[in-house]
Amino acid sequence: MALQLDPQLLEILACPCDAHAVLTPGEDRLTCTACGRAFPVTDGIPVLLLDEALPGTGPAGDGRDDG
């Protein structure tokens, strides 16, 4: 089942990384179109903290911003 978020909310949400790119919805996450980090959505609330990016996502493949 695909993630259901208000389209107006998706328009204003952006990745917290320096690129501030658009986020695309997935099953239970939002994925940054620039850095590849995936952020969980818990109880309908996006958790857009770099430290909370899902493991194995992002430029280094570890979900953390090392640069």
PDB file of N, CA and C in Angstrom:
ATOM      1  N   MET A   1       0.837  -1.185   0.000  1.00  0.00           N
ATOM      2  CA  MET A   1       0.000   0.000   0.000  1.00  0.00           C
ATOM      3  C   MET A   1       0.882   1.248   0.000  1.00  0.00           C
ATOM      4  N   ALA A   2       0.614   2.153  -0.879  1.00  0.00           N
ATOM      5  CA  ALA A   2       1.407   3.373  -1.000  1.00  0.00           C
ATOM      6  C   ALA A   2       1.097   4.350   0.135  1.00  0.00           C
ATOM      7  N   LEU A   3       2.073   5.134   0.453  1.00  0.00           N
ATOM      8  CA  LEU A   3       1.960   6.144   1.497  1.00  0.00           C
ATOM      9  C   LEU A   3       0.944   7.203   1.101  1.00  0.00           C
ATOM     10  N   GLN A   4       0.072   7.587   2.026  1.00  0.00           N
ATOM     11  CA  GLN A   4      -0.945   8.598   1.776  1.00  0.00           C
ATOM     12  C   GLN A   4      -0.641   9.847   2.595  1.00  0.00           C
ATOM     13  N   LEU A   5      -0.134  10.878   1.928  1.00  0.00           N
ATOM     14  CA  LEU A   5       0.092  12.167   2.574  1.00  0.00           C
ATOM     15  C   LEU A   5      -0.626  13.235   1.770  1.00  0.00           C
ATOM     16  N   ASP A   6      -1.021  14.285   2.433  1.00  0.00           N
ATOM     17  CA  ASP A   6      -1.683  15.410   1.777  1.00  0.00           C
ATOM     18  C   ASP A   6      -0.785  15.959   0.672  1.00  0.00           C
ATOM     19  N   PRO A   7      -1.285  16.090  -0.548  1.00  0.00           N
ATOM     20  CA  PRO A   7      -0.474  16.611  -1.659  1.00  0.00           C
ATOM     21  C   PRO A   7       0.115  17.999  -1.382  1.00  0.00           C
ATOM     22  N   GLN A   8      -0.615  18.842  -0.645  1.00  0.00           N
ATOM     23  CA  GLN A   8      -0.087  20.165  -0.304  1.00  0.00           C
ATOM     24  C   GLN A   8       1.107  20.049   0.640  1.00  0.00           C
ATOM     25  N   LEU A   9       1.073  19.070   1.530  1.00  0.00           N
ATOM     26  CA  LEU A   9       2.193  18.843   2.435  1.00  0.00           C
ATOM     27  C   LEU A   9       3.414  18.378   1.641  1.00  0.00           C
ATOM     28  N   LEU A  10       3.219  17.466   0.707  1.00  0.00           N
ATOM     29  CA  LEU A  10       4.324  16.978  -0.111  1.00  0.00           C
ATOM     30  C   LEU A  10       4.982  18.095  -0.920  1.00  0.00           C
ATOM     31  N   GLU A  11       4.196  19.100  -1.304  1.00  0.00           N
ATOM     32  CA  GLU A  11       4.740  20.228  -2.069  1.00  0.00           C
ATOM     33  C   GLU A  11       5.737  21.051  -1.265  1.00  0.00           C
ATOM     34  N   ILE A  12       5.560  21.135   0.050  1.00  0.00           N
ATOM     35  CA  ILE A  12       6.426  21.986   0.860  1.00  0.00           C
ATOM     36  C   ILE A  12       7.525  21.217   1.590  1.00  0.00           C
ATOM     37  N   LEU A  13       7.402  19.896   1.687  1.00  0.00           N
ATOM     38  CA  LEU A  13       8.434  19.112   2.358  1.00  0.00           C
ATOM     39  C   LEU A  13       9.672  19.020   1.482  1.00  0.00           C
ATOM     40  N   ALA A  14      10.832  19.069   2.114  1.00  0.00           N
ATOM     41  CA  ALA A  14      12.103  18.923   1.396  1.00  0.00           C
ATOM     42  C   ALA A  14      13.076  18.182   2.303  1.00  0.00           C
ATOM     43  N   CYS A  15      14.045  17.566   1.684  1.00  0.00           N
ATOM     44  CA  CYS A  15      15.084  16.853   2.416  1.00  0.00           C
ATOM     45  C   CYS A  15      15.874  17.848   3.264  1.00  0.00           C
ATOM     46  N   PRO A  16      16.268  17.473   4.479  1.00  0.00           N
ATOM     47  CA  PRO A  16      17.039  18.382   5.327  1.00  0.00           C
ATOM     48  C   PRO A  16      18.518  18.475   4.946  1.00  0.00           C
ATOM     49  N   CYS A  17      18.950  17.730   3.931  1.00  0.00           N
ATOM     50  CA  CYS A  17      20.353  17.827   3.515  1.00  0.00           C
ATOM     51  C   CYS A  17      20.586  19.166   2.815  1.00  0.00           C
ATOM     52  N   ASP A  18      21.825  19.483   2.538  1.00  0.00           N
ATOM     53  CA  ASP A  18      22.170  20.769   1.931  1.00  0.00           C
ATOM     54  C   ASP A  18      21.503  20.989   0.581  1.00  0.00           C
ATOM     55  N   ALA A  19      21.190  19.922  -0.144  1.00  0.00           N
ATOM     56  CA  ALA A  19      20.582  20.046  -1.473  1.00  0.00           C
ATOM     57  C   ALA A  19      19.117  20.483  -1.399  1.00  0.00           C
ATOM     58  N   HIS A  20      18.433  20.191  -0.287  1.00  0.00           N
ATOM     59  CA  HIS A  20      17.019  20.549  -0.093  1.00  0.00           C
ATOM     60  C   HIS A  20      16.163  20.110  -1.277  1.00  0.00           C
ATOM     61  N   ALA A  21      16.286  18.872  -1.668  1.00  0.00           N
ATOM     62  CA  ALA A  21      15.588  18.362  -2.845  1.00  0.00           C
ATOM     63  C   ALA A  21      14.188  17.865  -2.500  1.00  0.00           C
ATOM     64  N   VAL A  22      13.441  17.600  -3.543  1.00  0.00           N
ATOM     65  CA  VAL A  22      12.073  17.088  -3.440  1.00  0.00           C
ATOM     66  C   VAL A  22      12.092  15.673  -2.868  1.00  0.00           C
ATOM     67  N   LEU A  23      11.070  15.346  -2.096  1.00  0.00           N
ATOM     68  CA  LEU A  23      10.909  14.011  -1.529  1.00  0.00           C
ATOM     69  C   LEU A  23       9.805  13.278  -2.284  1.00  0.00           C
ATOM     70  N   THR A  24      10.048  12.008  -2.585  1.00  0.00           N
ATOM     71  CA  THR A  24       9.035  11.206  -3.271  1.00  0.00           C
ATOM     72  C   THR A  24       8.511  10.143  -2.316  1.00  0.00           C
ATOM     73  N   PRO A  25       7.192   9.933  -2.303  1.00  0.00           N
ATOM     74  CA  PRO A  25       6.617   8.949  -1.388  1.00  0.00           C
ATOM     75  C   PRO A  25       6.843   7.527  -1.863  1.00  0.00           C
ATOM     76  N   GLY A  26       7.000   6.627  -0.893  1.00  0.00           N
ATOM     77  CA  GLY A  26       7.114   5.198  -1.145  1.00  0.00           C
ATOM     78  C   GLY A  26       6.132   4.471  -0.244  1.00  0.00           C
ATOM     79  N   GLU A  27       6.423   3.214   0.070  1.00  0.00           N
ATOM     80  CA  GLU A  27       5.534   2.412   0.924  1.00  0.00           C
ATOM     81  C   GLU A  27       5.332   3.055   2.301  1.00  0.00           C
ATOM     82  N   ASP A  28       6.418   3.275   3.015  1.00  0.00           N
ATOM     83  CA  ASP A  28       6.346   3.810   4.377  1.00  0.00           C
ATOM     84  C   ASP A  28       7.469   4.813   4.617  1.00  0.00           C
ATOM     85  N   ARG A  29       7.879   5.468   3.537  1.00  0.00           N
ATOM     86  CA  ARG A  29       9.014   6.376   3.617  1.00  0.00           C
ATOM     87  C   ARG A  29       8.925   7.460   2.560  1.00  0.00           C
ATOM     88  N   LEU A  30       9.718   8.509   2.757  1.00  0.00           N
ATOM     89  CA  LEU A  30       9.904   9.555   1.757  1.00  0.00           C
ATOM     90  C   LEU A  30      11.370   9.510   1.352  1.00  0.00           C
ATOM     91  N   THR A  31      11.635   9.519   0.057  1.00  0.00           N
ATOM     92  CA  THR A  31      12.999   9.405  -0.442  1.00  0.00           C
ATOM     93  C   THR A  31      13.413  10.690  -1.147  1.00  0.00           C
ATOM     94  N   CYS A  32      14.616  11.167  -0.835  1.00  0.00           N
ATOM     95  CA  CYS A  32      15.152  12.377  -1.448  1.00  0.00           C
ATOM     96  C   CYS A  32      15.594  12.080  -2.876  1.00  0.00           C
ATOM     97  N   THR A  33      15.198  12.937  -3.801  1.00  0.00           N
ATOM     98  CA  THR A  33      15.564  12.744  -5.196  1.00  0.00           C
ATOM     99  C   THR A  33      17.009  13.148  -5.472  1.00  0.00           C
ATOM    100  N   ALA A  34      17.666  13.860  -4.555  1.00  0.00           N
ATOM    101  CA  ALA A  34      19.051  14.286  -4.771  1.00  0.00           C
ATOM    102  C   ALA A  34      20.054  13.361  -4.085  1.00  0.00           C
ATOM    103  N   CYS A  35      19.889  13.134  -2.794  1.00  0.00           N
ATOM    104  CA  CYS A  35      20.902  12.373  -2.054  1.00  0.00           C
ATOM    105  C   CYS A  35      20.543  10.900  -1.879  1.00  0.00           C
ATOM    106  N   GLY A  36      19.287  10.543  -2.084  1.00  0.00           N
ATOM    107  CA  GLY A  36      18.878   9.146  -1.966  1.00  0.00           C
ATOM    108  C   GLY A  36      18.525   8.695  -0.562  1.00  0.00           C
ATOM    109  N   ARG A  37      18.609   9.593   0.403  1.00  0.00           N
ATOM    110  CA  ARG A  37      18.223   9.203   1.763  1.00  0.00           C
ATOM    111  C   ARG A  37      16.729   8.929   1.814  1.00  0.00           C
ATOM    112  N   ALA A  38      16.360   7.944   2.617  1.00  0.00           N
ATOM    113  CA  ALA A  38      14.950   7.624   2.827  1.00  0.00           C
ATOM    114  C   ALA A  38      14.612   7.922   4.278  1.00  0.00           C
ATOM    115  N   PHE A  39      13.501   8.606   4.478  1.00  0.00           N
ATOM    116  CA  PHE A  39      13.066   9.006   5.816  1.00  0.00           C
ATOM    117  C   PHE A  39      11.770   8.293   6.156  1.00  0.00           C
ATOM    118  N   PRO A  40      11.682   7.728   7.359  1.00  0.00           N
ATOM    119  CA  PRO A  40      10.472   6.994   7.737  1.00  0.00           C
ATOM    120  C   PRO A  40       9.277   7.921   7.950  1.00  0.00           C
ATOM    121  N   VAL A  41       8.103   7.366   7.766  1.00  0.00           N
ATOM    122  CA  VAL A  41       6.854   8.057   8.089  1.00  0.00           C
ATOM    123  C   VAL A  41       6.185   7.206   9.161  1.00  0.00           C
ATOM    124  N   THR A  42       6.075   7.775  10.359  1.00  0.00           N
ATOM    125  CA  THR A  42       5.533   7.055  11.511  1.00  0.00           C
ATOM    126  C   THR A  42       4.177   7.632  11.879  1.00  0.00           C
ATOM    127  N   ASP A  43       3.157   6.797  11.831  1.00  0.00           N
ATOM    128  CA  ASP A  43       1.790   7.221  12.146  1.00  0.00           C
ATOM    129  C   ASP A  43       1.383   8.438  11.320  1.00  0.00           C
ATOM    130  N   GLY A  44       1.803   8.468  10.053  1.00  0.00           N
ATOM    131  CA  GLY A  44       1.440   9.557   9.154  1.00  0.00           C
ATOM    132  C   GLY A  44       2.277  10.811   9.297  1.00  0.00           C
ATOM    133  N   ILE A  45       3.322  10.758  10.136  1.00  0.00           N
ATOM    134  CA  ILE A  45       4.175  11.922  10.369  1.00  0.00           C
ATOM    135  C   ILE A  45       5.568  11.655   9.812  1.00  0.00           C
ATOM    136  N   PRO A  46       6.007  12.448   8.813  1.00  0.00           N
ATOM    137  CA  PRO A  46       7.356  12.268   8.277  1.00  0.00           C
ATOM    138  C   PRO A  46       8.415  12.658   9.310  1.00  0.00           C
ATOM    139  N   VAL A  47       9.414  11.808   9.480  1.00  0.00           N
ATOM    140  CA  VAL A  47      10.520  12.070  10.398  1.00  0.00           C
ATOM    141  C   VAL A  47      11.706  12.518   9.543  1.00  0.00           C
ATOM    142  N   LEU A  48      11.844  13.832   9.373  1.00  0.00           N
ATOM    143  CA  LEU A  48      12.842  14.397   8.463  1.00  0.00           C
ATOM    144  C   LEU A  48      14.075  14.883   9.210  1.00  0.00           C
ATOM    145  N   LEU A  49      14.725  13.960   9.887  1.00  0.00           N
ATOM    146  CA  LEU A  49      15.965  14.247  10.591  1.00  0.00           C
ATOM    147  C   LEU A  49      17.069  13.419   9.941  1.00  0.00           C
ATOM    148  N   LEU A  50      18.197  14.049   9.621  1.00  0.00           N
ATOM    149  CA  LEU A  50      19.283  13.314   8.969  1.00  0.00           C
ATOM    150  C   LEU A  50      19.709  12.104   9.783  1.00  0.00           C
ATOM    151  N   ASP A  51      19.719  12.233  11.100  1.00  0.00           N
ATOM    152  CA  ASP A  51      20.117  11.119  11.963  1.00  0.00           C
ATOM    153  C   ASP A  51      19.108   9.977  11.950  1.00  0.00           C
ATOM    154  N   GLU A  52      17.899  10.243  11.485  1.00  0.00           N
ATOM    155  CA  GLU A  52      16.854   9.215  11.452  1.00  0.00           C
ATOM    156  C   GLU A  52      16.663   8.612  10.061  1.00  0.00           C
ATOM    157  N   ALA A  53      17.497   9.029   9.094  1.00  0.00           N
ATOM    158  CA  ALA A  53      17.399   8.447   7.755  1.00  0.00           C
ATOM    159  C   ALA A  53      17.590   6.937   7.864  1.00  0.00           C
ATOM    160  N   LEU A  54      16.870   6.203   7.041  1.00  0.00           N
ATOM    161  CA  LEU A  54      16.909   4.747   7.113  1.00  0.00           C
ATOM    162  C   LEU A  54      18.282   4.219   6.726  1.00  0.00           C
ATOM    163  N   PRO A  55      18.776   3.206   7.440  1.00  0.00           N
ATOM    164  CA  PRO A  55      20.088   2.630   7.142  1.00  0.00           C
ATOM    165  C   PRO A  55      20.164   2.147   5.698  1.00  0.00           C
ATOM    166  N   GLY A  56      21.346   2.288   5.108  1.00  0.00           N
ATOM    167  CA  GLY A  56      21.562   1.841   3.737  1.00  0.00           C
ATOM    168  C   GLY A  56      21.098   2.827   2.691  1.00  0.00           C
ATOM    169  N   THR A  57      20.684   4.023   3.116  1.00  0.00           N
ATOM    170  CA  THR A  57      20.249   5.039   2.171  1.00  0.00           C
ATOM    171  C   THR A  57      21.188   6.229   2.266  1.00  0.00           C
ATOM    172  N   GLY A  58      21.204   7.038   1.251  1.00  0.00           N
ATOM    173  CA  GLY A  58      22.055   8.223   1.260  1.00  0.00           C
ATOM    174  C   GLY A  58      23.306   8.024   0.431  1.00  0.00           C
ATOM    175  N   PRO A  59      24.102   9.080   0.304  1.00  0.00           N
ATOM    176  CA  PRO A  59      25.266   9.056  -0.579  1.00  0.00           C
ATOM    177  C   PRO A  59      26.314   8.022  -0.174  1.00  0.00           C
ATOM    178  N   ALA A  60      26.502   7.792   1.116  1.00  0.00           N
ATOM    179  CA  ALA A  60      27.500   6.826   1.558  1.00  0.00           C
ATOM    180  C   ALA A  60      26.878   5.449   1.770  1.00  0.00           C
ATOM    181  N   GLY A  61      25.568   5.345   1.573  1.00  0.00           N
ATOM    182  CA  GLY A  61      24.887   4.071   1.780  1.00  0.00           C
ATOM    183  C   GLY A  61      24.633   3.733   3.228  1.00  0.00           C
ATOM    184  N   ASP A  62      24.865   4.710   4.120  1.00  0.00           N
ATOM    185  CA  ASP A  62      24.672   4.433   5.543  1.00  0.00           C
ATOM    186  C   ASP A  62      23.627   5.310   6.199  1.00  0.00           C
ATOM    187  N   GLY A  63      23.022   6.229   5.427  1.00  0.00           N
ATOM    188  CA  GLY A  63      21.966   7.073   5.970  1.00  0.00           C
ATOM    189  C   GLY A  63      22.457   8.258   6.758  1.00  0.00           C
ATOM    190  N   ARG A  64      23.778   8.458   6.846  1.00  0.00           N
ATOM    191  CA  ARG A  64      24.321   9.581   7.607  1.00  0.00           C
ATOM    192  C   ARG A  64      24.983  10.573   6.681  1.00  0.00           C
ATOM    193  N   ASP A  65      25.058  11.816   7.124  1.00  0.00           N
ATOM    194  CA  ASP A  65      25.726  12.876   6.361  1.00  0.00           C
ATOM    195  C   ASP A  65      27.132  13.021   6.907  1.00  0.00           C
ATOM    196  N   ASP A  66      28.118  12.437   6.201  1.00  0.00           N
ATOM    197  CA  ASP A  66      29.491  12.466   6.658  1.00  0.00           C
ATOM    198  C   ASP A  66      30.287  13.627   6.092  1.00  0.00           C
ATOM    199  N   GLY A  67      29.657  14.445   5.245  1.00  0.00           N
ATOM    200  CA  GLY A  67      30.432  15.503   4.624  1.00  0.00           C
ATOM    201  C   GLY A  67      29.837  16.788   4.856  1.00  0.00           C
TER     202      GLY A  67
END
